[in-house]
Amino acid sequence: MPDIMTEEKIKQTLVAAFITAASAADILAVGHSTIYRWINEGRLESLKIPGPGKPTYRIKSSSVRRLLGTVG
């Protein structure tokens, strides 16, 4: 289970327009596989960044805030 982030750390992280999938998982206190499932289901808006290996994702912070119930 991921570590729980403090409220202050969550606020600092969500200032950016996009965050990493790992940060989203920490903020939402879920596993990485849940984040990727939510991306595929459309529950989290993201950008897919192609790379030499597996693609990476950047999650739209407003999507994370929406799931937290703190849109603003």
N, C-alpha and C. Protein backbone atom coordinates (compact mmCIF):
# COMPACT_ATOMS: atom_id res chain seq x y z
N MET A 1 0.84 -1.18 0.00
CA MET A 1 0.00 0.00 0.00
C MET A 1 0.89 1.24 0.00
N PRO A 2 0.55 2.24 -0.80
CA PRO A 2 1.38 3.44 -0.85
C PRO A 2 1.32 4.23 0.44
N ASP A 3 2.37 5.03 0.66
CA ASP A 3 2.37 5.92 1.82
C ASP A 3 1.31 6.99 1.64
N ILE A 4 0.72 7.42 2.74
CA ILE A 4 -0.27 8.48 2.71
C ILE A 4 0.47 9.82 2.69
N MET A 5 0.10 10.69 1.75
CA MET A 5 0.73 12.00 1.67
C MET A 5 0.03 12.95 2.64
N THR A 6 0.78 13.90 3.18
CA THR A 6 0.18 14.90 4.05
C THR A 6 -0.63 15.87 3.20
N GLU A 7 -1.57 16.54 3.83
CA GLU A 7 -2.41 17.51 3.11
C GLU A 7 -1.55 18.60 2.47
N GLU A 8 -0.54 19.06 3.19
CA GLU A 8 0.34 20.12 2.66
C GLU A 8 1.09 19.63 1.42
N LYS A 9 1.60 18.41 1.45
CA LYS A 9 2.33 17.85 0.31
C LYS A 9 1.39 17.68 -0.89
N ILE A 10 0.15 17.30 -0.64
CA ILE A 10 -0.83 17.16 -1.71
C ILE A 10 -1.06 18.52 -2.36
N LYS A 11 -1.26 19.55 -1.56
CA LYS A 11 -1.48 20.90 -2.10
C LYS A 11 -0.29 21.36 -2.94
N GLN A 12 0.91 21.12 -2.45
CA GLN A 12 2.11 21.51 -3.18
C GLN A 12 2.22 20.78 -4.51
N THR A 13 1.88 19.51 -4.52
CA THR A 13 1.99 18.70 -5.73
C THR A 13 0.94 19.09 -6.76
N LEU A 14 -0.28 19.39 -6.31
CA LEU A 14 -1.37 19.69 -7.23
C LEU A 14 -1.31 21.08 -7.83
N VAL A 15 -0.29 21.88 -7.48
CA VAL A 15 -0.12 23.20 -8.07
C VAL A 15 0.21 23.07 -9.56
N ALA A 16 0.97 22.07 -9.92
CA ALA A 16 1.35 21.84 -11.32
C ALA A 16 0.13 21.44 -12.14
N ALA A 17 0.14 21.77 -13.43
CA ALA A 17 -0.98 21.41 -14.31
C ALA A 17 -1.05 19.89 -14.51
N PHE A 18 0.11 19.24 -14.57
CA PHE A 18 0.17 17.80 -14.75
C PHE A 18 1.13 17.21 -13.72
N ILE A 19 0.81 16.02 -13.25
CA ILE A 19 1.67 15.33 -12.28
C ILE A 19 1.94 13.91 -12.78
N THR A 20 2.92 13.28 -12.19
CA THR A 20 3.25 11.91 -12.59
C THR A 20 2.18 10.94 -12.09
N ALA A 21 2.13 9.79 -12.72
CA ALA A 21 1.21 8.75 -12.28
C ALA A 21 1.54 8.30 -10.86
N ALA A 22 2.83 8.28 -10.53
CA ALA A 22 3.24 7.89 -9.17
C ALA A 22 2.73 8.90 -8.14
N SER A 23 2.82 10.20 -8.46
CA SER A 23 2.30 11.21 -7.53
C SER A 23 0.79 11.10 -7.38
N ALA A 24 0.10 10.86 -8.49
CA ALA A 24 -1.36 10.70 -8.43
C ALA A 24 -1.73 9.51 -7.55
N ALA A 25 -0.98 8.42 -7.69
CA ALA A 25 -1.24 7.24 -6.87
C ALA A 25 -1.03 7.54 -5.39
N ASP A 26 0.04 8.28 -5.07
CA ASP A 26 0.31 8.64 -3.68
C ASP A 26 -0.79 9.53 -3.12
N ILE A 27 -1.20 10.53 -3.90
CA ILE A 27 -2.22 11.47 -3.43
C ILE A 27 -3.54 10.76 -3.19
N LEU A 28 -3.91 9.88 -4.11
CA LEU A 28 -5.20 9.19 -4.03
C LEU A 28 -5.14 7.92 -3.17
N ALA A 29 -3.94 7.60 -2.69
CA ALA A 29 -3.72 6.42 -1.83
C ALA A 29 -4.20 5.13 -2.50
N VAL A 30 -3.80 4.99 -3.77
CA VAL A 30 -4.11 3.78 -4.52
C VAL A 30 -2.83 3.28 -5.19
N GLY A 31 -2.88 2.10 -5.73
CA GLY A 31 -1.72 1.54 -6.42
C GLY A 31 -1.60 2.08 -7.83
N HIS A 32 -0.42 1.87 -8.41
CA HIS A 32 -0.18 2.33 -9.78
C HIS A 32 -1.13 1.68 -10.78
N SER A 33 -1.43 0.41 -10.58
CA SER A 33 -2.33 -0.27 -11.52
C SER A 33 -3.72 0.36 -11.51
N THR A 34 -4.15 0.86 -10.36
CA THR A 34 -5.45 1.54 -10.28
C THR A 34 -5.41 2.84 -11.09
N ILE A 35 -4.31 3.57 -11.00
CA ILE A 35 -4.18 4.81 -11.77
C ILE A 35 -4.29 4.51 -13.25
N TYR A 36 -3.57 3.50 -13.73
CA TYR A 36 -3.61 3.17 -15.16
C TYR A 36 -5.00 2.66 -15.58
N ARG A 37 -5.66 1.94 -14.70
CA ARG A 37 -7.03 1.50 -15.00
C ARG A 37 -7.96 2.70 -15.11
N TRP A 38 -7.83 3.66 -14.19
CA TRP A 38 -8.66 4.86 -14.22
C TRP A 38 -8.38 5.70 -15.46
N ILE A 39 -7.13 5.73 -15.92
CA ILE A 39 -6.81 6.42 -17.17
C ILE A 39 -7.56 5.74 -18.32
N ASN A 40 -7.47 4.42 -18.38
CA ASN A 40 -8.13 3.67 -19.46
C ASN A 40 -9.65 3.81 -19.41
N GLU A 41 -10.20 3.95 -18.20
CA GLU A 41 -11.66 4.10 -18.04
C GLU A 41 -12.11 5.54 -18.27
N GLY A 42 -11.16 6.47 -18.37
CA GLY A 42 -11.51 7.87 -18.57
C GLY A 42 -11.78 8.63 -17.29
N ARG A 43 -11.53 8.03 -16.14
CA ARG A 43 -11.76 8.70 -14.86
C ARG A 43 -10.67 9.72 -14.57
N LEU A 44 -9.48 9.53 -15.15
CA LEU A 44 -8.37 10.48 -15.01
C LEU A 44 -7.94 10.93 -16.40
N GLU A 45 -7.87 12.24 -16.58
CA GLU A 45 -7.36 12.79 -17.84
C GLU A 45 -5.84 12.77 -17.80
N SER A 46 -5.24 12.39 -18.91
CA SER A 46 -3.78 12.30 -18.92
C SER A 46 -3.22 12.56 -20.30
N LEU A 47 -1.91 12.78 -20.32
CA LEU A 47 -1.14 12.86 -21.56
C LEU A 47 -0.25 11.63 -21.62
N LYS A 48 -0.24 10.98 -22.76
CA LYS A 48 0.63 9.82 -22.95
C LYS A 48 1.91 10.33 -23.61
N ILE A 49 3.03 10.06 -22.96
CA ILE A 49 4.32 10.52 -23.45
C ILE A 49 5.10 9.31 -23.95
N PRO A 50 5.27 9.20 -25.29
CA PRO A 50 6.00 8.06 -25.82
C PRO A 50 7.48 8.13 -25.44
N GLY A 51 8.07 6.99 -25.32
CA GLY A 51 9.48 6.94 -24.99
C GLY A 51 10.12 5.74 -25.66
N PRO A 52 11.39 5.55 -25.41
CA PRO A 52 12.09 4.43 -26.03
C PRO A 52 11.58 3.07 -25.51
N GLY A 53 11.08 3.05 -24.31
CA GLY A 53 10.51 1.83 -23.74
C GLY A 53 9.01 1.97 -23.66
N LYS A 54 8.48 1.72 -22.48
CA LYS A 54 7.05 1.88 -22.25
C LYS A 54 6.72 3.37 -22.20
N PRO A 55 5.54 3.76 -22.68
CA PRO A 55 5.16 5.17 -22.58
C PRO A 55 4.91 5.55 -21.11
N THR A 56 5.08 6.82 -20.81
CA THR A 56 4.76 7.31 -19.48
C THR A 56 3.54 8.22 -19.59
N TYR A 57 2.93 8.50 -18.47
CA TYR A 57 1.74 9.33 -18.44
C TYR A 57 1.94 10.49 -17.48
N ARG A 58 1.34 11.62 -17.83
CA ARG A 58 1.23 12.75 -16.92
C ARG A 58 -0.27 12.96 -16.72
N ILE A 59 -0.66 13.02 -15.46
CA ILE A 59 -2.06 13.11 -15.09
C ILE A 59 -2.44 14.57 -14.89
N LYS A 60 -3.57 14.96 -15.42
CA LYS A 60 -4.07 16.32 -15.24
C LYS A 60 -4.45 16.51 -13.77
N SER A 61 -3.86 17.51 -13.14
CA SER A 61 -4.09 17.75 -11.70
C SER A 61 -5.56 17.97 -11.38
N SER A 62 -6.28 18.63 -12.28
CA SER A 62 -7.70 18.87 -12.03
C SER A 62 -8.49 17.56 -11.94
N SER A 63 -8.05 16.53 -12.67
CA SER A 63 -8.71 15.23 -12.56
C SER A 63 -8.51 14.62 -11.19
N VAL A 64 -7.30 14.78 -10.66
CA VAL A 64 -7.00 14.25 -9.32
C VAL A 64 -7.81 15.04 -8.29
N ARG A 65 -7.85 16.36 -8.42
CA ARG A 65 -8.64 17.18 -7.48
C ARG A 65 -10.11 16.78 -7.53
N ARG A 66 -10.62 16.51 -8.73
CA ARG A 66 -12.02 16.11 -8.87
C ARG A 66 -12.28 14.82 -8.11
N LEU A 67 -11.38 13.85 -8.25
CA LEU A 67 -11.55 12.60 -7.52
C LEU A 67 -11.45 12.78 -6.01
N LEU A 68 -10.66 13.75 -5.60
CA LEU A 68 -10.54 14.05 -4.17
C LEU A 68 -11.74 14.84 -3.65
N GLY A 69 -12.50 15.40 -4.57
CA GLY A 69 -13.64 16.22 -4.16
C GLY A 69 -13.24 17.62 -3.76
N THR A 70 -12.07 18.07 -4.28
CA THR A 70 -11.58 19.41 -3.92
C THR A 70 -11.31 20.24 -5.16
N VAL A 71 -12.27 20.28 -6.08
CA VAL A 71 -12.09 21.07 -7.29
C VAL A 71 -11.96 22.53 -6.90
N GLY A 72 -10.97 23.18 -7.47
CA GLY A 72 -10.82 24.60 -7.13
C GLY A 72 -9.61 25.23 -7.66
